[in-house]
Amino acid sequence: MTPKSEHLVNLIFKKLKTYKNKKIFLEKDSLNKFILCLFKEN
C-alpha cells in the first residue's frame, strides 16, 4: 500500500471511529482490505 493510500485509510478510520450517532464496530485491517478491494476493482 502506498503512503498516500495508507493516509487515506487512516483518515477514514479516524472519522468513522469518532462518528457518535451510531456505534460502529470497525477494525483497521478490515477497512484496509475493503479499500484495497475497491482500488483493485477500477
C-alpha atoms as a PDB file:
ATOM      1  CA  MET A   1       0.000   0.000   0.000  1.00  0.00           C
ATOM      2  CA  THR A   2       1.344   3.390  -0.896  1.00  0.00           C
ATOM      3  CA  PRO A   3       1.799   6.025   1.814  1.00  0.00           C
ATOM      4  CA  LYS A   4      -0.900   8.153   0.211  1.00  0.00           C
ATOM      5  CA  SER A   5      -3.489   5.369   0.283  1.00  0.00           C
ATOM      6  CA  GLU A   6      -2.467   4.406   3.812  1.00  0.00           C
ATOM      7  CA  HIS A   7      -3.007   8.008   4.884  1.00  0.00           C
ATOM      8  CA  LEU A   8      -6.446   7.922   3.291  1.00  0.00           C
ATOM      9  CA  VAL A   9      -7.312   4.740   5.187  1.00  0.00           C
ATOM     10  CA  ASN A  10      -6.174   6.341   8.437  1.00  0.00           C
ATOM     11  CA  LEU A  11      -8.324   9.407   7.851  1.00  0.00           C
ATOM     12  CA  ILE A  12     -11.406   7.331   7.066  1.00  0.00           C
ATOM     13  CA  PHE A  13     -10.775   5.110  10.080  1.00  0.00           C
ATOM     14  CA  LYS A  14     -10.485   8.078  12.438  1.00  0.00           C
ATOM     15  CA  LYS A  15     -13.636   9.714  11.068  1.00  0.00           C
ATOM     16  CA  LEU A  16     -15.675   6.539  11.383  1.00  0.00           C
ATOM     17  CA  LYS A  17     -14.431   5.824  14.892  1.00  0.00           C
ATOM     18  CA  THR A  18     -15.444   9.294  16.086  1.00  0.00           C
ATOM     19  CA  TYR A  19     -18.904   9.147  14.499  1.00  0.00           C
ATOM     20  CA  LYS A  20     -21.213   9.382  17.522  1.00  0.00           C
ATOM     21  CA  ASN A  21     -24.717   8.942  16.105  1.00  0.00           C
ATOM     22  CA  LYS A  22     -24.269   5.198  15.719  1.00  0.00           C
ATOM     23  CA  LYS A  23     -21.928   2.661  17.196  1.00  0.00           C
ATOM     24  CA  ILE A  24     -19.562   1.343  14.584  1.00  0.00           C
ATOM     25  CA  PHE A  25     -17.513  -1.773  15.132  1.00  0.00           C
ATOM     26  CA  LEU A  26     -14.538  -1.419  12.840  1.00  0.00           C
ATOM     27  CA  GLU A  27     -11.122  -2.971  12.660  1.00  0.00           C
ATOM     28  CA  LYS A  28      -8.416  -1.192  10.761  1.00  0.00           C
ATOM     29  CA  ASP A  29      -7.341  -4.366   8.953  1.00  0.00           C
ATOM     30  CA  SER A  30     -10.855  -4.913   7.643  1.00  0.00           C
ATOM     31  CA  LEU A  31     -11.027  -1.351   6.428  1.00  0.00           C
ATOM     32  CA  ASN A  32      -7.662  -1.761   4.693  1.00  0.00           C
ATOM     33  CA  LYS A  33      -8.838  -4.890   2.897  1.00  0.00           C
ATOM     34  CA  PHE A  34     -12.070  -3.241   1.846  1.00  0.00           C
ATOM     35  CA  ILE A  35     -10.365  -0.159   0.429  1.00  0.00           C
ATOM     36  CA  LEU A  36      -7.750  -2.239  -1.376  1.00  0.00           C
ATOM     37  CA  CYS A  37     -10.571  -4.238  -2.895  1.00  0.00           C
ATOM     38  CA  LEU A  38     -12.152  -1.015  -4.148  1.00  0.00           C
ATOM     39  CA  PHE A  39      -8.870   0.114  -5.683  1.00  0.00           C
ATOM     40  CA  LYS A  40      -8.444  -3.209  -7.472  1.00  0.00           C
ATOM     41  CA  GLU A  41     -11.909  -3.023  -8.991  1.00  0.00           C
ATOM     42  CA  ASN A  42     -11.030   0.070 -11.007  1.00  0.00           C
END
